[in-house]
Amino acid sequence: MIPLYRIIEICVYSLLNFLPFMALALYPFRSRLRFSVKITVCIIVVISFIQMGLGLWAAFFSGGKAALASAVSTAVYVVFYFIAVKVNFGKALFTLLMISNTANFVVAASKCIEGKIFPELAVQSYRWSFSLIMLVVLAVVWIPLFIYTKKVYTPAVEKEPTGIEWRYLWLIPATFYLIWYYMLYNNNGKSSLETALDAGNAVFLLFINVGAGIVYYVIAMLINEQEKNIRLSDNNHRLAMQNLQYENLQEKIADARRAKHDVRHHISLMQEYVRNKQYEELEKYLNSYQQSLPDDTLISFCENKTVNAVMLYFAQVAKNEDIDYDVKAVIPENISVDETDLSVLFGNLIENATDACKEEKGDNRRIVIRAMTDEYTLCLGIDNTFTGTLKKDLSGVLFSSKHKGFGIGVESVKSIAEKYGGTYCAEVKDEMFMSSVLLNLRT
């Protein structure tokens, strides 16, 4: 019969080797969980029991196949993680590998220290001495790692500019992960226990993990800095659009003043036509005068100042390029979407539509914009004339066979849609390229 204290030892180790690292891995995406917090916690509890069961099987019933239990444990951990978080695959993989590398180091360092302090117990599996030292090592490693995750890494994964970089960044922690397994299995015939007890290996892994930590920190800082620069550029762009709106308004005011100033001259001339009964000349003059009046077209597309500034800016661009610009938008002044996100979302999609229309030949070039909100969602549809061939590159980014600029900014749009739990889709139908975005408004 298995002693109770051994069961407790193995269960404690299994939990120490699972829960702290799962918490770290989930923290950056706590607002993007696929399930509710309650359901997620319940699943983690179930997986914790699975981990303890696998530990007991590896210790007492595996018959020398403990590696199989480790593989199953890792598979359960990975499958749950990718199901639990709704984020870019590369971003989730980067996070998982980064945390896994740290977990591997904690286990190796704990076993090495146990071998120095409790040499007799260290050669046995899952003893209380191992869990005790692991708890101390966790306290030393986990706290600064959590601070890094909270202060530096989480802002990077929440506000990254495009998401493209995460398709490749995961290769960095993957490389460190391979180094770890190379150290574990390419050890000149030594068992994994002997490798872990070797102080030289532990020191080597320490330097590897410190170097990896510096690399992770630099990556997160660069992404945050890049995001700040893009935000600054977007703000400058928005200010330029607002300035154009102001200039258009000033121009209309000046036109109205000129018309008011000249009105008495027009009245005098029309009175002269009436006195002389020159009605045909009067009619011609009235038609000419009507055409000379200032444009009284509505200069506001919607109540939201940010969106209106973007639409007004591209309305002027479309007018200069002789592109039909049809807008119907109902967006209130106050909406639970960040102003910069609104500017990037509308700006990128309308700019892409405008650029696409510039490449089209003929007179039937048009941009159709429809936008509306309700209590829970923001719906946006932007269609533009498009007679080219729509393709995707190997990474799934849209591009056109007719011009190079198509698809620029689409990754930013996808990132914003993901941020608000929404969707982005695009298709070509009846010689129109149709972009659609749905955002869930946070209350």
Foldseek 3Di string as FASTA:
>chain_A
DDDPQLLVLLLLVLCLLPVLLLCLLCVLQVVFWPDDPVVLVVVVVVLSVVSSVLSVCLQPPCVPVNVVSVVVNVVVSVVSQVNTGDADPLLSLLSVLLSVLVSLLLLLQLLQVCCVVPVVCSVHPRGNSSSVSSVVSCVVPSVVSSVCCVPFVSVLRLQFQFCPVSVPPSVLSVVLVVVSVCQQPVPPPDHSSVSSNDVVNSVVSVVSSVVSVVVSRVVRVVRVVVSVVVLVVLVVVLVVLVVVLVVVVVVLVVLVVVCVVCVVVVVVVLVVCVVVVVVVVSVVVVVVVVVSRDDPPDQAQEQASLLSSLLNSVVVVCVVLLAAEAEHEYDHNDFQADSSLSSLQNNVVSVLQSVQQSLDDDNHWYKYWYWYDDPWKIKIKIKTAADFDWDADPVGQIDTPRDGPHRVSVSSNQSSLVSQVWHWDWDDDPRMIMIMIMGTTDD
